[in-house]
């Protein structure tokens, strides 16, 4: 029986960043709220105190190895903390570390009702910029692949022509085939270099996209106070892949996962919930408009109180209990629902015309009884 051993650990923050001077203005900003008085940032990040310029602990800056800078500012009058940077995706690591260290800090003080929150709005516009950049590089990679295939076919065709000329016993002019072959070879090399450069950019873009997605998940969980289970479902939905492949990319995978949540646990009503899973084949979309629409709808329904759950009980509508004397009415037949309204009106008119009046009949006992004649309409094919 195979056995798997797992071990989770957290690397020090100093491995990827170092303290630097704080910046007052940045392009991207988010604000984290707390329900306790402001904390000295030097107590929360003691390993960055040595080179910190602000000894009061109201500002702290981190510079990553890649060169980007993230600044944390603590408000002196309110219980709010601003995290800002020139790069949207770089905010995630510092924001996550700040929230976790706040939890540990107040847990050591014995505070049990401490809570981090985010008042919104969710920065979807900034997030979609990262999504569009990643998708653009995927489209470029596909274009380079197609161009390389075309030039390779052209190069092999020229080779065959030249080999035929060289094998011929009677020499014939090359008709500039050698020049054409050299130019095609240079195009193949240039396209290969461009494709390799685009691949390296795609790897970096996917890493930025993962960081931006982690930040989006963190903000949504703080915004609505999601539980650990709900946060794990959201993370599995928006981060299904460890890396992109030519056969399967991030966009189509996330679109399928988000669509499933919108049809099941986040559907508008129990009637709209899908029972079976979609079996359609995933392929690279033409653009990201549908994906962005679904992610926006996902955040909107979570903000309106939607609950993330994968259990079948949460996705199935609650049955209504009827008394024992009551019987459930049969569902209408689909063919009758789709029948032409004109035919239904004509059938009703025939029923009214041919309806027989009731007749009073005396029984053998002398007690009058009523017998009612019901009209039985003809079968459906005779009505057409």
Protein backbone atom coordinates (compact mmCIF):
# COMPACT_ATOMS: atom_id res chain seq x y z
CA UNK A 1 0.00 0.00 0.00
CA UNK A 2 1.62 3.29 -1.03
CA UNK A 3 2.04 5.89 1.68
CA UNK A 4 2.46 9.62 1.28
CA UNK A 5 4.13 11.90 3.81
CA UNK A 6 3.44 15.63 3.63
CA UNK A 7 5.18 18.44 5.42
CA UNK A 8 4.18 22.10 5.13
CA UNK A 9 6.52 24.85 6.23
CA UNK A 10 6.85 28.60 5.77
CA UNK A 11 10.02 30.20 4.48
CA UNK A 12 11.28 33.43 6.06
CA UNK A 13 10.18 36.64 4.39
CA UNK A 14 13.76 37.89 4.37
CA UNK A 15 14.64 35.29 1.72
CA UNK A 16 12.75 37.24 -0.96
CA UNK A 17 12.83 40.84 0.26
CA UNK A 18 14.77 43.28 2.39
CA UNK A 19 13.87 46.53 4.21
CA UNK A 20 14.03 49.77 2.25
CA UNK A 21 12.74 53.34 2.38
CA UNK A 22 8.97 53.79 2.28
CA UNK A 23 7.25 55.46 -0.68
CA UNK A 24 4.31 57.80 -0.14
CA UNK A 25 2.57 57.43 -3.51
CA UNK A 26 2.05 54.24 -5.51
CA UNK A 27 -0.16 53.10 -8.36
CA UNK A 28 -1.93 50.21 -6.62
CA UNK A 29 -3.33 50.44 -3.09
CA UNK A 30 -5.44 48.21 -0.83
CA UNK A 31 -6.61 48.81 2.74
CA UNK A 32 -6.97 46.15 5.44
CA UNK A 33 -9.25 46.95 8.38
CA UNK A 34 -9.05 45.51 11.91
CA UNK A 35 -11.26 45.70 14.97
CA UNK A 36 -8.42 46.52 17.41
CA UNK A 37 -6.25 49.60 17.98
CA UNK A 38 -3.28 50.16 15.63
CA UNK A 39 -0.20 48.02 16.19
CA UNK A 40 3.43 49.04 15.94
CA UNK A 41 4.67 47.49 12.69
CA UNK A 42 8.14 47.06 14.18
CA UNK A 43 6.65 44.59 16.66
CA UNK A 44 4.93 42.66 13.89
CA UNK A 45 8.02 42.55 11.64
CA UNK A 46 10.94 42.49 14.10
CA UNK A 47 13.47 41.19 11.53
CA UNK A 48 13.05 44.40 9.47
CA UNK A 49 13.52 46.84 12.36
CA UNK A 50 17.32 47.21 12.02
CA UNK A 51 17.17 49.16 8.75
CA UNK A 52 13.72 50.69 9.14
CA UNK A 53 13.69 54.49 8.88
CA UNK A 54 10.44 55.00 10.81
CA UNK A 55 11.18 54.15 14.43
CA UNK A 56 7.56 54.79 15.46
CA UNK A 57 6.40 51.79 13.49
CA UNK A 58 3.85 53.60 11.31
CA UNK A 59 5.52 52.78 7.99
CA UNK A 60 7.52 49.83 6.71
CA UNK A 61 8.78 49.10 3.19
CA UNK A 62 9.92 45.86 1.54
CA UNK A 63 11.99 45.54 -1.61
CA UNK A 64 11.82 42.23 -3.46
CA UNK A 65 14.70 40.58 -5.22
CA UNK A 66 13.12 41.44 -8.59
CA UNK A 67 13.32 45.14 -7.67
CA UNK A 68 9.70 46.04 -6.90
CA UNK A 69 8.85 47.80 -3.65
CA UNK A 70 5.87 47.34 -1.32
CA UNK A 71 5.03 49.80 1.47
CA UNK A 72 2.82 49.23 4.52
CA UNK A 73 1.38 52.33 6.21
CA UNK A 74 -0.46 52.21 9.55
CA UNK A 75 -3.05 54.86 10.30
CA UNK A 76 -2.48 56.88 13.47
CA UNK A 77 -6.15 57.63 14.08
CA UNK A 78 -8.02 54.56 12.76
CA UNK A 79 -7.58 50.80 12.77
CA UNK A 80 -6.60 50.58 9.12
CA UNK A 81 -3.44 49.59 7.24
CA UNK A 82 -2.65 50.53 3.68
CA UNK A 83 -0.50 48.31 1.44
CA UNK A 84 0.69 49.94 -1.77
CA UNK A 85 3.06 49.17 -4.61
CA UNK A 86 3.78 49.93 -8.26
CA UNK A 87 3.08 46.27 -9.07
CA UNK A 88 -0.36 44.83 -8.34
CA UNK A 89 0.69 41.20 -7.96
CA UNK A 90 3.54 41.99 -5.54
CA UNK A 91 1.07 43.21 -2.90
CA UNK A 92 -0.11 39.65 -2.26
CA UNK A 93 2.89 38.30 -0.35
CA UNK A 94 3.16 41.27 2.00
CA UNK A 95 -0.61 41.42 2.54
CA UNK A 96 -0.77 37.72 3.34
CA UNK A 97 2.18 37.99 5.72
CA UNK A 98 0.63 41.03 7.41
CA UNK A 99 -2.72 39.28 8.02
CA UNK A 100 -1.07 36.13 9.37
CA UNK A 101 1.25 38.04 11.68
CA UNK A 102 -1.65 40.10 13.02
CA UNK A 103 -3.47 36.87 13.89
CA UNK A 104 -0.42 35.49 15.70
CA UNK A 105 0.28 38.80 17.44
CA UNK A 106 -3.17 39.13 18.97
CA UNK A 107 -3.35 35.40 19.72
CA UNK A 108 -0.27 35.79 21.91
CA UNK A 109 -1.96 38.67 23.72
CA UNK A 110 -4.97 36.46 24.44
CA UNK A 111 -7.37 38.39 22.19
CA UNK A 112 -10.00 35.99 20.85
CA UNK A 113 -12.30 38.35 18.94
CA UNK A 114 -9.66 39.87 16.64
CA UNK A 115 -10.70 40.03 13.01
CA UNK A 116 -9.16 41.27 9.76
CA UNK A 117 -11.49 42.59 7.07
CA UNK A 118 -11.54 44.28 3.69
CA UNK A 119 -14.25 46.82 2.92
CA UNK A 120 -13.84 46.65 -0.85
CA UNK A 121 -14.30 47.20 -3.67
CA UNK A 122 -12.57 44.16 -5.16
CA UNK A 123 -9.91 45.43 -7.63
CA UNK A 124 -11.14 43.38 -10.59
CA UNK A 125 -10.04 45.93 -13.21
CA UNK A 126 -6.42 45.69 -12.06
CA UNK A 127 -6.67 41.91 -11.86
CA UNK A 128 -8.07 41.65 -15.38
CA UNK A 129 -5.06 43.57 -16.72
CA UNK A 130 -2.85 40.71 -15.52
CA UNK A 131 -5.23 38.17 -17.07
CA UNK A 132 -5.22 39.96 -20.44
CA UNK A 133 -1.42 40.17 -20.47
CA UNK A 134 -1.08 36.45 -19.82
CA UNK A 135 -3.64 35.59 -22.50
CA UNK A 136 -1.94 37.86 -25.03
CA UNK A 137 1.33 35.97 -24.56
CA UNK A 138 -0.52 32.66 -25.03
CA UNK A 139 -1.96 33.95 -28.31
CA UNK A 140 1.52 35.05 -29.43
CA UNK A 141 2.91 31.62 -28.59
CA UNK A 142 0.26 30.00 -30.79
CA UNK A 143 1.05 32.42 -33.64
CA UNK A 144 4.77 31.68 -33.41
CA UNK A 145 4.03 27.96 -33.47
CA UNK A 146 1.91 28.30 -36.62
CA UNK A 147 4.51 30.46 -38.37
CA UNK A 148 7.27 28.01 -37.47
CA UNK A 149 5.25 25.17 -38.95
CA UNK A 150 4.72 27.08 -42.19
CA UNK A 151 8.39 28.04 -42.56
CA UNK A 152 9.49 24.50 -41.74
CA UNK A 153 7.25 23.12 -44.51
CA UNK A 154 8.66 25.71 -46.91
CA UNK A 155 12.24 24.89 -45.88
CA UNK A 156 11.76 21.15 -46.48
CA UNK A 157 10.15 21.80 -49.89
CA UNK A 158 13.14 23.91 -50.97
CA UNK A 159 15.49 21.19 -49.76
CA UNK A 160 13.72 18.59 -51.89
CA UNK A 161 13.97 20.83 -54.96
CA UNK A 162 17.68 21.41 -54.44
CA UNK A 163 18.39 17.70 -53.88
CA UNK A 164 16.58 16.91 -57.12
CA UNK A 165 18.68 19.47 -58.99
CA UNK A 166 21.92 18.16 -57.49
CA UNK A 167 21.11 14.53 -58.35
CA UNK A 168 20.30 15.38 -61.94
CA UNK A 169 23.03 14.22 -64.37
CA UNK A 170 22.58 17.28 -66.57
CA UNK A 171 23.32 20.38 -64.55
CA UNK A 172 20.54 22.96 -64.45
CA UNK A 173 20.44 26.45 -62.97
CA UNK A 174 19.27 26.66 -59.34
CA UNK A 175 16.96 29.59 -60.11
CA UNK A 176 17.80 31.29 -56.78
CA UNK A 177 16.65 28.30 -54.76
CA UNK A 178 19.80 28.53 -52.65
CA UNK A 179 19.06 32.18 -51.83
CA UNK A 180 15.46 31.31 -50.97
CA UNK A 181 16.64 28.47 -48.76
CA UNK A 182 19.05 30.75 -46.89
CA UNK A 183 16.33 33.36 -46.32
CA UNK A 184 13.89 30.73 -45.08
CA UNK A 185 16.53 29.35 -42.72
CA UNK A 186 17.08 32.80 -41.21
CA UNK A 187 13.34 33.22 -40.75
CA UNK A 188 13.11 29.86 -38.96
CA UNK A 189 15.94 30.83 -36.60
CA UNK A 190 14.42 34.26 -35.91
CA UNK A 191 10.99 32.76 -35.23
CA UNK A 192 12.50 30.14 -32.95
CA UNK A 193 14.32 32.82 -30.94
CA UNK A 194 11.15 34.92 -30.70
CA UNK A 195 9.12 31.90 -29.61
CA UNK A 196 11.67 31.06 -26.93
CA UNK A 197 11.67 34.65 -25.66
CA UNK A 198 7.87 34.65 -25.63
CA UNK A 199 7.89 31.37 -23.69
CA UNK A 200 10.14 32.91 -21.02
CA UNK A 201 7.81 35.93 -20.77
CA UNK A 202 4.83 33.57 -20.54
CA UNK A 203 6.39 31.79 -17.56
CA UNK A 204 6.89 35.13 -15.79
CA UNK A 205 3.38 36.27 -16.69
CA UNK A 206 1.88 33.07 -15.29
CA UNK A 207 3.82 33.58 -12.06
CA UNK A 208 2.45 37.14 -11.82
CA UNK A 209 -1.03 35.84 -12.59
CA UNK A 210 -0.81 33.31 -9.77
CA UNK A 211 0.29 36.03 -7.33
CA UNK A 212 -2.53 38.34 -8.46
CA UNK A 213 -5.02 35.48 -8.11
CA UNK A 214 -3.77 34.74 -4.59
CA UNK A 215 -4.32 38.42 -3.75
CA UNK A 216 -7.84 38.29 -5.19
CA UNK A 217 -8.66 35.20 -3.12
CA UNK A 218 -7.28 36.86 0.03
CA UNK A 219 -9.32 40.01 -0.51
CA UNK A 220 -12.54 38.09 -1.22
CA UNK A 221 -12.05 35.96 1.90
CA UNK A 222 -11.47 39.07 4.05
CA UNK A 223 -14.35 40.88 2.34
CA UNK A 224 -16.96 38.22 3.10
CA UNK A 225 -15.29 36.45 6.02
CA UNK A 226 -15.03 33.10 4.23
CA UNK A 227 -14.19 30.01 6.23
CA UNK A 228 -11.08 27.94 5.58
CA UNK A 229 -13.14 25.39 3.63
CA UNK A 230 -14.73 28.03 1.41
CA UNK A 231 -11.36 29.71 0.82
CA UNK A 232 -9.90 26.34 -0.23
CA UNK A 233 -12.74 25.86 -2.75
CA UNK A 234 -12.19 29.35 -4.16
CA UNK A 235 -8.45 28.72 -4.43
CA UNK A 236 -8.99 25.39 -6.21
CA UNK A 237 -11.38 27.15 -8.61
CA UNK A 238 -9.13 30.05 -9.56
CA UNK A 239 -5.79 28.20 -9.37
CA UNK A 240 -6.38 24.78 -10.96
CA UNK A 241 -2.99 24.51 -12.72
CA UNK A 242 0.60 24.67 -11.58
CA UNK A 243 1.75 25.68 -15.05
CA UNK A 244 0.42 26.32 -18.53
CA UNK A 245 0.67 23.72 -21.29
CA UNK A 246 -0.09 24.01 -25.01
CA UNK A 247 -2.96 21.54 -24.56
CA UNK A 248 -4.55 23.14 -21.48
CA UNK A 249 -4.26 26.70 -20.25
CA UNK A 250 -5.33 28.69 -17.21
CA UNK A 251 -8.14 30.63 -18.90
CA UNK A 252 -10.24 27.70 -20.10
CA UNK A 253 -9.65 25.74 -16.88
CA UNK A 254 -10.77 28.60 -14.63
CA UNK A 255 -13.73 29.41 -16.88
CA UNK A 256 -14.99 25.83 -16.62
CA UNK A 257 -14.52 25.74 -12.82
CA UNK A 258 -16.20 29.12 -12.25
CA UNK A 259 -19.08 28.17 -14.56
CA UNK A 260 -19.63 25.01 -12.53
CA UNK A 261 -19.89 27.00 -9.29
CA UNK A 262 -22.31 29.45 -10.90
CA UNK A 263 -24.53 26.57 -12.01
CA UNK A 264 -24.46 24.72 -8.67
CA UNK A 265 -23.88 26.27 -5.26
CA UNK A 266 -23.96 29.88 -6.53
CA UNK A 267 -26.99 29.55 -8.78
CA UNK A 268 -29.79 32.10 -8.42
CA UNK A 269 -32.33 29.56 -7.22
CA UNK A 270 -32.65 25.85 -6.59
CA UNK A 271 -34.45 25.42 -9.93
CA UNK A 272 -31.42 26.72 -11.84
CA UNK A 273 -28.96 24.31 -10.24
CA UNK A 274 -27.28 21.86 -12.58
CA UNK A 275 -27.37 18.21 -11.55
CA UNK A 276 -24.79 16.74 -13.92
CA UNK A 277 -21.30 17.94 -14.73
CA UNK A 278 -20.46 19.47 -18.08
CA UNK A 279 -18.50 17.14 -20.38
CA UNK A 280 -17.55 19.63 -23.09
CA UNK A 281 -13.94 19.60 -24.24
CA UNK A 282 -11.80 22.51 -23.08
CA UNK A 283 -10.04 24.60 -25.71
CA UNK A 284 -8.31 27.94 -25.85
CA UNK A 285 -10.93 30.75 -26.03
CA UNK A 286 -10.90 33.53 -28.59
CA UNK A 287 -10.74 36.23 -25.92
CA UNK A 288 -11.14 36.72 -22.18
CA UNK A 289 -14.48 38.55 -22.19
CA UNK A 290 -16.48 35.49 -21.10
CA UNK A 291 -13.96 34.60 -18.38
CA UNK A 292 -13.97 38.12 -16.96
CA UNK A 293 -17.76 38.18 -17.01
CA UNK A 294 -17.94 34.90 -15.06
CA UNK A 295 -15.36 36.01 -12.47
CA UNK A 296 -17.26 39.28 -11.96
CA UNK A 297 -20.48 37.31 -11.53
CA UNK A 298 -18.74 34.98 -9.09
CA UNK A 299 -17.63 37.88 -6.86
CA UNK A 300 -21.06 39.47 -7.13
CA UNK A 301 -22.91 36.35 -5.95
CA UNK A 302 -20.43 35.75 -3.14
CA UNK A 303 -20.97 39.36 -2.07
CA UNK A 304 -24.74 38.76 -2.01
CA UNK A 305 -24.37 35.90 0.47
CA UNK A 306 -23.60 32.95 -1.79
CA UNK A 307 -22.05 29.97 -0.03
CA UNK A 308 -19.25 27.95 -1.60
CA UNK A 309 -19.78 24.23 -1.12
CA UNK A 310 -19.02 21.03 -3.01
CA UNK A 311 -21.36 18.72 -1.06
CA UNK A 312 -24.29 17.31 -2.97
CA UNK A 313 -26.71 18.18 -0.15
CA UNK A 314 -25.95 21.86 -0.48
CA UNK A 315 -26.57 21.82 -4.23
CA UNK A 316 -29.88 19.91 -4.23
CA UNK A 317 -33.08 21.83 -3.40
CA UNK A 318 -34.74 20.91 -0.12
CA UNK A 319 -37.75 18.61 -0.75
CA UNK A 320 -41.17 19.77 0.48
CA UNK A 321 -42.88 17.31 2.88
CA UNK A 322 -46.57 16.69 2.04
CA UNK A 323 -49.24 15.13 4.31
CA UNK A 324 -50.02 11.45 3.85
CA UNK A 325 -53.42 12.19 2.32
CA UNK A 326 -51.95 14.45 -0.34
CA UNK A 327 -50.47 13.17 -3.53
CA UNK A 328 -47.93 14.96 -5.62
CA UNK A 329 -49.18 16.19 -8.95
CA UNK A 330 -47.49 14.65 -11.98
CA UNK A 331 -45.19 16.86 -13.96
CA UNK A 332 -46.50 18.03 -17.34
CA UNK A 333 -45.31 16.16 -20.36
CA UNK A 334 -42.70 17.99 -22.35
CA UNK A 335 -44.53 17.34 -25.62
CA UNK A 336 -47.69 19.00 -24.32
CA UNK A 337 -45.73 22.04 -23.17
CA UNK A 338 -44.25 22.45 -26.61
CA UNK A 339 -47.60 22.05 -28.40
CA UNK A 340 -48.71 24.90 -30.63
CA UNK A 341 -50.97 27.34 -28.70
CA UNK A 342 -53.35 27.52 -31.69
CA UNK A 343 -53.90 23.77 -31.49
CA UNK A 344 -54.55 23.97 -27.77
CA UNK A 345 -57.13 26.74 -28.31
CA UNK A 346 -58.86 24.72 -31.04
CA UNK A 347 -59.02 21.67 -28.77
CA UNK A 348 -60.61 23.73 -26.01
CA UNK A 349 -63.26 25.05 -28.43
CA UNK A 350 -64.16 21.52 -29.55
CA UNK A 351 -64.47 20.41 -25.94
CA UNK A 352 -66.91 23.23 -25.14
CA UNK A 353 -69.07 22.57 -28.21
CA UNK A 354 -69.39 18.80 -27.69
CA UNK A 355 -69.84 18.86 -23.95
CA UNK A 356 -73.06 17.05 -23.04
CA UNK A 357 -75.42 18.36 -20.35
CA UNK A 358 -76.03 16.33 -17.27
CA UNK A 359 -79.18 14.19 -17.11
CA UNK A 360 -81.27 13.34 -14.08
CA UNK A 361 -81.85 9.56 -13.73
CA UNK A 362 -83.90 7.66 -11.20
CA UNK A 363 -82.41 4.61 -9.61
CA UNK A 364 -84.28 1.41 -8.84
CA UNK A 365 -84.69 2.49 -5.24
CA UNK A 366 -86.52 5.61 -6.29
CA UNK A 367 -83.80 7.90 -5.06
CA UNK A 368 -82.79 10.36 -7.79
CA UNK A 369 -79.12 10.40 -8.72
CA UNK A 370 -77.10 12.46 -11.13
CA UNK A 371 -75.10 10.99 -13.94
CA UNK A 372 -72.62 13.22 -15.70
CA UNK A 373 -71.35 12.53 -19.18
CA UNK A 374 -67.75 13.57 -19.86
CA UNK A 375 -66.46 14.23 -23.31
CA UNK A 376 -63.34 12.30 -24.22
CA UNK A 377 -61.31 14.21 -26.84
CA UNK A 378 -59.74 12.28 -29.73
CA UNK A 379 -56.10 11.28 -29.68
CA UNK A 380 -53.47 13.91 -30.46
CA UNK A 381 -52.68 12.76 -34.05
CA UNK A 382 -56.37 13.19 -35.08
CA UNK A 383 -56.26 16.86 -34.08
CA UNK A 384 -53.56 17.88 -36.48
